[in-house]
């Protein structure tokens, strides 16, 4: 394999000039992932060349990654990689703010992780004229129904840097927060989105917020809006299996994969036809299906050419670079409709019908969608685990102090 050859990730990006590949992890973990991946590769020179282009802090114009998504679990991973360093950081924070509670110190630590991550993309942000180089920072995932707290936390996160995009949950309450932040020219990424009705509701909230911002003369030169669709989480965490057992229908791996792809295709079309300023961002992508003994990666193959953001975790980048070496991405792929017989079968599931119909769910139902509940719980647990990390760091420091 020639080292000058473009990687599958780079070829995917070329299918649409305005599509974007984002890093779905903390930038603080990029170097360790890259080093490990290159070391374990059978084509070290090629992978080293690819990775040098994926993140090129000193040459942002040539950098593949145009942005970065983070969330509480990804922030927790940073603490786990260098626990002693971050424990010392916590202890120093307490020294500087002796009256701060564990919760307050956790929040300061969380903001610091976001700040340091955002710095990795400042060069890209400036070089692109504020079009790219955003990093997402999420509000407390345990408070997805607390409108006022989300607003306060979002404004704190936004104050870190102009290239920080605030992740707000696609709950009924989150819609109000998205509108509020947009009206102030603060960039948002609506997360925990699994259905077309959510895409529609978020897009309308953004549009309403923009109208207010323009009426007030708010500077929108550093503003963007994305809507994160958690594709495989929709497939895996919902009611397909439970409902299938009830109605006597079993979905194959390709059919389940088509369910999320079909919803996203329809979402892209809806935003485009309605001239909405938000951009779809596909997250939680997976390998598969396996067809005729060959492993495919439909979450990128079937969406190639779309004007969207693909946010890719380290493991998924490895998957694409390994399994898509001999795959030619079709720039028209995203335009092809899902197979009619598959949609007909999927429509026998209420779980799919409500997600595929732009009016299939009302905002209060967003909060109780099974994929929403499962994912919010996981993200909330990560917030709690970070608080535990802070508490244990302080306890360890107190014990050492007593021994001395």
Foldseek 3Di string as FASTA:
>chain_A
DDLPDAFLLVLLCVLAVQEAEAAEAQPVCLVVLLVVVLVPDPCNSNSVSNSCQCQPLPCLVSHRHFEYEYFLVRLLVVCVVPVVVVLVVLVVVCVVVVVDDLLRSLLVSLLVSLLVRLVSQPVSCVVVQLPTSAYEREDQLVPLPPLVSRLVSLVVSCVSDLRYAYEHELFLSSLQSLLVCLLQLGAYEHPLDAFLLSLVSNLVSNVNSPVNNVVVVHDNSNYAYEYEHQQVLLLPQACQVVVCVVVVHDDDPVLSNVLSLQRVLVSLVVCVVVVGRYAYEYHNFDKDDQDPNATHRCVSQQQRLGSHYYHDYSVVSVVSSPRCRPPNRNNCNSVDHDDPVSVVVQVVDLSSVLRNDNPSDDNNVSCVGRSSVVVSVVSNVSSVVSSVSSVVSVVVVVVVVVVD
